[in-house]
């Protein structure tokens, strides 16, 4: 079982947290170069962000449906970033996780890493009686993924891997204000195809509890 170094930074500005990720990425990468083999160092940031939209390097900016002035009106910011995937939203009530780990140390490739992340989130929401799964042709965790109409995404995933060291990660909707999805086509899909634990259960969920469950599930998979 892994023993990740979880760092809960609470509510933190997106750019500040991105810079922090880069610092930790350098820490692991420098350790790897010094050792000349895989690094045992690992960092796992847990965070909530103020309202922000992020666009992956292969994303389509037309999936952002709101202009700059309107973003200011809804107190949201926008960043083009260096992960994979299209556009997504982060905000209060959403659990975001950024593992900064050396995949060579865990002897896994990028695809398996993403699948492990999906498995951990599927196991996390199962603790609340919510059944998640994978949708063909899409990353992340979905509910009723094979249903043509009812398929809806509860967790987005977008990562960057540099010399097998990871950054960015997942965004699980817990008590998220779902109205903010009306201003994007999240990950290229219609905004109606998103959901949260609160929306599925009909009541607010303890974020501290979800963090604890998620940490247990991630530890158990490595």
C-alpha atoms as a PDB file:
ATOM      1  CA  UNK A   1       0.000   0.000   0.000  1.00  0.00           C
ATOM      2  CA  UNK A   2       1.297   3.460  -0.909  1.00  0.00           C
ATOM      3  CA  UNK A   3       1.935   6.145   1.649  1.00  0.00           C
ATOM      4  CA  UNK A   4       1.333   9.324  -0.335  1.00  0.00           C
ATOM      5  CA  UNK A   5       2.367  12.651   1.132  1.00  0.00           C
ATOM      6  CA  UNK A   6      -1.050  14.318   1.137  1.00  0.00           C
ATOM      7  CA  UNK A   7      -0.969  18.118   1.315  1.00  0.00           C
ATOM      8  CA  UNK A   8      -4.379  19.656   1.989  1.00  0.00           C
ATOM      9  CA  UNK A   9      -4.113  23.337   1.032  1.00  0.00           C
ATOM     10  CA  UNK A  10      -7.817  24.121   1.467  1.00  0.00           C
ATOM     11  CA  UNK A  11      -9.183  26.826  -0.858  1.00  0.00           C
ATOM     12  CA  UNK A  12      -6.320  28.119  -3.014  1.00  0.00           C
ATOM     13  CA  UNK A  13      -6.010  30.324  -6.100  1.00  0.00           C
ATOM     14  CA  UNK A  14      -5.552  28.240  -9.255  1.00  0.00           C
ATOM     15  CA  UNK A  15      -2.358  29.942 -10.490  1.00  0.00           C
ATOM     16  CA  UNK A  16      -0.752  29.804  -7.047  1.00  0.00           C
ATOM     17  CA  UNK A  17      -1.513  26.075  -6.858  1.00  0.00           C
ATOM     18  CA  UNK A  18      -0.236  25.526 -10.420  1.00  0.00           C
ATOM     19  CA  UNK A  19       3.045  27.202  -9.443  1.00  0.00           C
ATOM     20  CA  UNK A  20       3.168  25.011  -6.326  1.00  0.00           C
ATOM     21  CA  UNK A  21       2.711  21.917  -8.473  1.00  0.00           C
ATOM     22  CA  UNK A  22       5.645  23.020 -10.632  1.00  0.00           C
ATOM     23  CA  UNK A  23       7.820  23.385  -7.507  1.00  0.00           C
ATOM     24  CA  UNK A  24       6.943  19.875  -6.346  1.00  0.00           C
ATOM     25  CA  UNK A  25       7.446  18.486  -9.859  1.00  0.00           C
ATOM     26  CA  UNK A  26      10.944  19.970  -9.831  1.00  0.00           C
ATOM     27  CA  UNK A  27      11.568  18.441  -6.406  1.00  0.00           C
ATOM     28  CA  UNK A  28      10.731  14.928  -7.640  1.00  0.00           C
ATOM     29  CA  UNK A  29      12.518  15.396 -10.987  1.00  0.00           C
ATOM     30  CA  UNK A  30      15.687  16.732  -9.331  1.00  0.00           C
ATOM     31  CA  UNK A  31      15.669  13.797  -6.911  1.00  0.00           C
ATOM     32  CA  UNK A  32      15.303  11.397  -9.822  1.00  0.00           C
ATOM     33  CA  UNK A  33      18.245  12.961 -11.693  1.00  0.00           C
ATOM     34  CA  UNK A  34      20.438  12.908  -8.582  1.00  0.00           C
ATOM     35  CA  UNK A  35      19.672   9.278  -7.850  1.00  0.00           C
ATOM     36  CA  UNK A  36      19.882   8.230 -11.530  1.00  0.00           C
ATOM     37  CA  UNK A  37      16.891   5.992 -10.910  1.00  0.00           C
ATOM     38  CA  UNK A  38      13.220   6.297  -9.988  1.00  0.00           C
ATOM     39  CA  UNK A  39      12.339   8.640  -7.129  1.00  0.00           C
ATOM     40  CA  UNK A  40      10.443   7.470  -4.055  1.00  0.00           C
ATOM     41  CA  UNK A  41       9.343  11.054  -3.371  1.00  0.00           C
ATOM     42  CA  UNK A  42       5.660  11.681  -3.848  1.00  0.00           C
ATOM     43  CA  UNK A  43       3.326  14.597  -3.268  1.00  0.00           C
ATOM     44  CA  UNK A  44      -0.472  14.619  -3.477  1.00  0.00           C
ATOM     45  CA  UNK A  45      -2.140  18.032  -3.271  1.00  0.00           C
ATOM     46  CA  UNK A  46      -5.798  18.197  -2.207  1.00  0.00           C
ATOM     47  CA  UNK A  47      -7.439  21.532  -2.951  1.00  0.00           C
ATOM     48  CA  UNK A  48     -10.566  23.489  -3.759  1.00  0.00           C
ATOM     49  CA  UNK A  49     -10.233  26.430  -6.140  1.00  0.00           C
ATOM     50  CA  UNK A  50     -12.136  29.698  -6.475  1.00  0.00           C
ATOM     51  CA  UNK A  51     -14.232  29.686  -9.677  1.00  0.00           C
ATOM     52  CA  UNK A  52     -11.922  29.042 -12.634  1.00  0.00           C
ATOM     53  CA  UNK A  53     -12.053  27.518 -16.109  1.00  0.00           C
ATOM     54  CA  UNK A  54      -8.983  25.725 -17.479  1.00  0.00           C
ATOM     55  CA  UNK A  55      -8.287  24.686 -21.056  1.00  0.00           C
ATOM     56  CA  UNK A  56      -5.926  21.815 -21.850  1.00  0.00           C
ATOM     57  CA  UNK A  57      -3.243  22.176 -24.510  1.00  0.00           C
ATOM     58  CA  UNK A  58      -5.271  20.236 -27.083  1.00  0.00           C
ATOM     59  CA  UNK A  59      -8.588  21.864 -26.133  1.00  0.00           C
ATOM     60  CA  UNK A  60     -10.899  24.039 -28.200  1.00  0.00           C
ATOM     61  CA  UNK A  61     -11.375  27.544 -26.780  1.00  0.00           C
ATOM     62  CA  UNK A  62     -14.816  27.705 -28.414  1.00  0.00           C
ATOM     63  CA  UNK A  63     -15.989  25.361 -25.639  1.00  0.00           C
ATOM     64  CA  UNK A  64     -15.755  28.386 -23.325  1.00  0.00           C
ATOM     65  CA  UNK A  65     -19.174  29.957 -23.856  1.00  0.00           C
ATOM     66  CA  UNK A  66     -18.629  33.098 -21.763  1.00  0.00           C
ATOM     67  CA  UNK A  67     -16.725  36.247 -22.757  1.00  0.00           C
ATOM     68  CA  UNK A  68     -14.121  37.969 -20.570  1.00  0.00           C
ATOM     69  CA  UNK A  69     -16.466  40.607 -19.145  1.00  0.00           C
ATOM     70  CA  UNK A  70     -19.011  37.973 -18.191  1.00  0.00           C
ATOM     71  CA  UNK A  71     -16.331  35.886 -16.463  1.00  0.00           C
ATOM     72  CA  UNK A  72     -15.602  38.904 -14.257  1.00  0.00           C
ATOM     73  CA  UNK A  73     -19.315  39.243 -13.514  1.00  0.00           C
ATOM     74  CA  UNK A  74     -19.513  35.659 -12.246  1.00  0.00           C
ATOM     75  CA  UNK A  75     -16.205  36.045 -10.379  1.00  0.00           C
ATOM     76  CA  UNK A  76     -14.398  33.462 -12.501  1.00  0.00           C
ATOM     77  CA  UNK A  77     -10.985  33.332 -14.165  1.00  0.00           C
ATOM     78  CA  UNK A  78      -9.647  31.446 -17.201  1.00  0.00           C
ATOM     79  CA  UNK A  79      -6.297  29.780 -17.888  1.00  0.00           C
ATOM     80  CA  UNK A  80      -4.763  27.881 -20.777  1.00  0.00           C
ATOM     81  CA  UNK A  81      -2.670  25.194 -19.141  1.00  0.00           C
ATOM     82  CA  UNK A  82      -0.233  22.379 -19.963  1.00  0.00           C
ATOM     83  CA  UNK A  83      -2.309  19.283 -19.163  1.00  0.00           C
ATOM     84  CA  UNK A  84      -4.152  17.070 -21.616  1.00  0.00           C
ATOM     85  CA  UNK A  85      -7.907  17.276 -22.169  1.00  0.00           C
ATOM     86  CA  UNK A  86     -10.295  20.055 -23.103  1.00  0.00           C
ATOM     87  CA  UNK A  87     -12.008  22.690 -20.954  1.00  0.00           C
ATOM     88  CA  UNK A  88     -13.195  22.099 -17.424  1.00  0.00           C
ATOM     89  CA  UNK A  89     -14.415  24.030 -14.398  1.00  0.00           C
ATOM     90  CA  UNK A  90     -13.027  24.151 -10.860  1.00  0.00           C
ATOM     91  CA  UNK A  91     -14.721  25.814  -7.918  1.00  0.00           C
ATOM     92  CA  UNK A  92     -15.640  25.627  -4.236  1.00  0.00           C
ATOM     93  CA  UNK A  93     -17.272  22.340  -3.298  1.00  0.00           C
ATOM     94  CA  UNK A  94     -15.207  20.407  -5.829  1.00  0.00           C
ATOM     95  CA  UNK A  95     -12.391  18.135  -4.634  1.00  0.00           C
ATOM     96  CA  UNK A  96      -9.331  18.539  -6.840  1.00  0.00           C
ATOM     97  CA  UNK A  97      -6.361  16.193  -6.503  1.00  0.00           C
ATOM     98  CA  UNK A  98      -2.894  16.712  -7.970  1.00  0.00           C
ATOM     99  CA  UNK A  99      -0.565  13.714  -7.542  1.00  0.00           C
ATOM    100  CA  UNK A 100       3.086  14.526  -8.285  1.00  0.00           C
ATOM    101  CA  UNK A 101       4.678  11.088  -8.457  1.00  0.00           C
ATOM    102  CA  UNK A 102       7.255   9.162 -10.485  1.00  0.00           C
ATOM    103  CA  UNK A 103       5.452   6.511 -12.523  1.00  0.00           C
ATOM    104  CA  UNK A 104       8.705   4.605 -12.968  1.00  0.00           C
ATOM    105  CA  UNK A 105       8.868   4.062  -9.212  1.00  0.00           C
ATOM    106  CA  UNK A 106       5.384   2.503  -9.300  1.00  0.00           C
ATOM    107  CA  UNK A 107       6.239   0.601 -12.513  1.00  0.00           C
ATOM    108  CA  UNK A 108       3.153   1.812 -14.380  1.00  0.00           C
ATOM    109  CA  UNK A 109       2.538   3.687 -17.625  1.00  0.00           C
ATOM    110  CA  UNK A 110       0.366   6.717 -18.257  1.00  0.00           C
ATOM    111  CA  UNK A 111      -2.725   4.770 -19.314  1.00  0.00           C
ATOM    112  CA  UNK A 112      -2.594   2.552 -16.219  1.00  0.00           C
ATOM    113  CA  UNK A 113      -2.023   5.629 -14.056  1.00  0.00           C
ATOM    114  CA  UNK A 114      -5.192   7.273 -15.397  1.00  0.00           C
ATOM    115  CA  UNK A 115      -7.122   4.031 -14.939  1.00  0.00           C
ATOM    116  CA  UNK A 116      -5.949   3.789 -11.324  1.00  0.00           C
ATOM    117  CA  UNK A 117      -7.139   7.350 -10.772  1.00  0.00           C
ATOM    118  CA  UNK A 118     -10.524   6.466 -12.248  1.00  0.00           C
ATOM    119  CA  UNK A 119     -10.675   3.309 -10.107  1.00  0.00           C
ATOM    120  CA  UNK A 120      -9.955   5.302  -6.933  1.00  0.00           C
ATOM    121  CA  UNK A 121     -12.747   7.785  -7.696  1.00  0.00           C
ATOM    122  CA  UNK A 122     -15.176   4.991  -8.620  1.00  0.00           C
ATOM    123  CA  UNK A 123     -14.401   3.345  -5.268  1.00  0.00           C
ATOM    124  CA  UNK A 124     -14.766   6.673  -3.445  1.00  0.00           C
ATOM    125  CA  UNK A 125     -18.250   7.479  -4.739  1.00  0.00           C
ATOM    126  CA  UNK A 126     -19.316   3.847  -4.227  1.00  0.00           C
ATOM    127  CA  UNK A 127     -18.972   4.509  -0.483  1.00  0.00           C
ATOM    128  CA  UNK A 128     -21.928   6.884  -0.934  1.00  0.00           C
ATOM    129  CA  UNK A 129     -24.004   4.392  -2.904  1.00  0.00           C
ATOM    130  CA  UNK A 130     -23.233   6.046  -6.256  1.00  0.00           C
ATOM    131  CA  UNK A 131     -22.171   3.680  -9.045  1.00  0.00           C
ATOM    132  CA  UNK A 132     -19.574   5.108 -11.400  1.00  0.00           C
ATOM    133  CA  UNK A 133     -17.846   3.756 -14.466  1.00  0.00           C
ATOM    134  CA  UNK A 134     -15.893   4.573 -17.598  1.00  0.00           C
ATOM    135  CA  UNK A 135     -17.327   5.926 -20.829  1.00  0.00           C
ATOM    136  CA  UNK A 136     -15.852   4.640 -24.074  1.00  0.00           C
ATOM    137  CA  UNK A 137     -13.775   7.290 -25.800  1.00  0.00           C
ATOM    138  CA  UNK A 138     -13.671   9.590 -22.759  1.00  0.00           C
ATOM    139  CA  UNK A 139     -11.593   9.913 -19.602  1.00  0.00           C
ATOM    140  CA  UNK A 140     -12.943  10.510 -16.124  1.00  0.00           C
ATOM    141  CA  UNK A 141     -15.714   8.890 -14.117  1.00  0.00           C
ATOM    142  CA  UNK A 142     -19.285   8.761 -15.366  1.00  0.00           C
ATOM    143  CA  UNK A 143     -22.662   7.643 -14.068  1.00  0.00           C
ATOM    144  CA  UNK A 144     -24.700   5.433 -16.401  1.00  0.00           C
ATOM    145  CA  UNK A 145     -21.878   5.771 -18.956  1.00  0.00           C
ATOM    146  CA  UNK A 146     -23.525   3.548 -21.572  1.00  0.00           C
ATOM    147  CA  UNK A 147     -26.877   5.355 -21.538  1.00  0.00           C
ATOM    148  CA  UNK A 148     -27.315   7.604 -24.578  1.00  0.00           C
ATOM    149  CA  UNK A 149     -29.321  10.228 -22.673  1.00  0.00           C
ATOM    150  CA  UNK A 150     -28.584   9.821 -18.962  1.00  0.00           C
ATOM    151  CA  UNK A 151     -24.786   9.454 -19.069  1.00  0.00           C
ATOM    152  CA  UNK A 152     -23.299  12.190 -16.890  1.00  0.00           C
ATOM    153  CA  UNK A 153     -19.803  12.993 -15.712  1.00  0.00           C
ATOM    154  CA  UNK A 154     -18.995  13.351 -12.025  1.00  0.00           C
ATOM    155  CA  UNK A 155     -15.193  13.507 -12.204  1.00  0.00           C
ATOM    156  CA  UNK A 156     -12.898  15.031 -14.835  1.00  0.00           C
ATOM    157  CA  UNK A 157      -9.300  13.885 -15.316  1.00  0.00           C
ATOM    158  CA  UNK A 158      -6.473  15.676 -17.102  1.00  0.00           C
ATOM    159  CA  UNK A 159      -2.775  15.030 -16.533  1.00  0.00           C
ATOM    160  CA  UNK A 160       0.663  16.031 -17.689  1.00  0.00           C
ATOM    161  CA  UNK A 161       3.609  13.626 -17.533  1.00  0.00           C
ATOM    162  CA  UNK A 162       7.211  14.800 -17.925  1.00  0.00           C
ATOM    163  CA  UNK A 163       9.884  12.090 -17.865  1.00  0.00           C
ATOM    164  CA  UNK A 164       7.344   9.893 -16.091  1.00  0.00           C
ATOM    165  CA  UNK A 165       6.713  12.469 -13.336  1.00  0.00           C
ATOM    166  CA  UNK A 166       3.061  13.522 -13.136  1.00  0.00           C
ATOM    167  CA  UNK A 167       1.168  16.725 -12.401  1.00  0.00           C
ATOM    168  CA  UNK A 168      -2.448  17.965 -12.643  1.00  0.00           C
ATOM    169  CA  UNK A 169      -5.000  15.222 -11.907  1.00  0.00           C
ATOM    170  CA  UNK A 170      -8.712  14.879 -11.102  1.00  0.00           C
ATOM    171  CA  UNK A 171     -11.684  17.092 -10.211  1.00  0.00           C
ATOM    172  CA  UNK A 172     -14.529  15.359  -8.365  1.00  0.00           C
ATOM    173  CA  UNK A 173     -17.807  17.248  -8.052  1.00  0.00           C
ATOM    174  CA  UNK A 174     -18.913  16.943  -4.425  1.00  0.00           C
ATOM    175  CA  UNK A 175     -20.996  20.009  -3.463  1.00  0.00           C
ATOM    176  CA  UNK A 176     -20.178  21.940  -6.637  1.00  0.00           C
ATOM    177  CA  UNK A 177     -22.302  24.863  -7.852  1.00  0.00           C
ATOM    178  CA  UNK A 178     -23.393  23.215 -11.092  1.00  0.00           C
ATOM    179  CA  UNK A 179     -24.590  26.494 -12.624  1.00  0.00           C
ATOM    180  CA  UNK A 180     -21.012  27.271 -13.594  1.00  0.00           C
ATOM    181  CA  UNK A 181     -21.075  24.414 -16.090  1.00  0.00           C
ATOM    182  CA  UNK A 182     -23.683  26.319 -18.096  1.00  0.00           C
ATOM    183  CA  UNK A 183     -20.904  28.546 -19.438  1.00  0.00           C
ATOM    184  CA  UNK A 184     -18.779  25.789 -21.000  1.00  0.00           C
ATOM    185  CA  UNK A 185     -19.012  22.549 -22.922  1.00  0.00           C
ATOM    186  CA  UNK A 186     -17.126  20.602 -20.227  1.00  0.00           C
ATOM    187  CA  UNK A 187     -14.433  18.408 -21.782  1.00  0.00           C
ATOM    188  CA  UNK A 188     -16.192  19.024 -25.096  1.00  0.00           C
ATOM    189  CA  UNK A 189     -19.528  17.571 -23.906  1.00  0.00           C
ATOM    190  CA  UNK A 190     -22.835  19.372 -23.368  1.00  0.00           C
ATOM    191  CA  UNK A 191     -23.188  20.985 -19.942  1.00  0.00           C
ATOM    192  CA  UNK A 192     -26.207  18.819 -19.123  1.00  0.00           C
ATOM    193  CA  UNK A 193     -23.867  15.807 -18.964  1.00  0.00           C
ATOM    194  CA  UNK A 194     -22.347  16.713 -15.582  1.00  0.00           C
ATOM    195  CA  UNK A 195     -23.381  15.937 -12.024  1.00  0.00           C
ATOM    196  CA  UNK A 196     -22.151  15.968  -8.411  1.00  0.00           C
ATOM    197  CA  UNK A 197     -22.466  13.817  -5.300  1.00  0.00           C
ATOM    198  CA  UNK A 198     -24.793  16.415  -3.800  1.00  0.00           C
ATOM    199  CA  UNK A 199     -26.977  16.398  -6.897  1.00  0.00           C
ATOM    200  CA  UNK A 200     -27.165  12.602  -6.969  1.00  0.00           C
ATOM    201  CA  UNK A 201     -27.825  12.176  -3.230  1.00  0.00           C
ATOM    202  CA  UNK A 202     -30.077  15.174  -2.718  1.00  0.00           C
ATOM    203  CA  UNK A 203     -28.045  16.570   0.178  1.00  0.00           C
ATOM    204  CA  UNK A 204     -24.684  18.153   0.946  1.00  0.00           C
ATOM    205  CA  UNK A 205     -21.771  15.832   1.638  1.00  0.00           C
ATOM    206  CA  UNK A 206     -18.912  16.427   4.089  1.00  0.00           C
ATOM    207  CA  UNK A 207     -15.855  17.443   2.052  1.00  0.00           C
ATOM    208  CA  UNK A 208     -13.520  16.358   4.865  1.00  0.00           C
ATOM    209  CA  UNK A 209     -15.103  12.925   4.788  1.00  0.00           C
ATOM    210  CA  UNK A 210     -14.785  12.642   0.998  1.00  0.00           C
ATOM    211  CA  UNK A 211     -11.111  13.605   1.239  1.00  0.00           C
ATOM    212  CA  UNK A 212     -10.525  10.889   3.832  1.00  0.00           C
ATOM    213  CA  UNK A 213     -12.270   8.246   1.737  1.00  0.00           C
ATOM    214  CA  UNK A 214     -10.431   9.300  -1.441  1.00  0.00           C
ATOM    215  CA  UNK A 215      -7.033   9.126   0.308  1.00  0.00           C
ATOM    216  CA  UNK A 216      -7.805   5.610   1.528  1.00  0.00           C
ATOM    217  CA  UNK A 217      -8.840   4.494  -1.962  1.00  0.00           C
ATOM    218  CA  UNK A 218      -5.764   5.975  -3.669  1.00  0.00           C
ATOM    219  CA  UNK A 219      -3.423   4.434  -1.085  1.00  0.00           C
ATOM    220  CA  UNK A 220      -4.984   1.009  -1.581  1.00  0.00           C
ATOM    221  CA  UNK A 221      -4.305   0.983  -5.333  1.00  0.00           C
ATOM    222  CA  UNK A 222      -0.510   1.454  -5.174  1.00  0.00           C
END
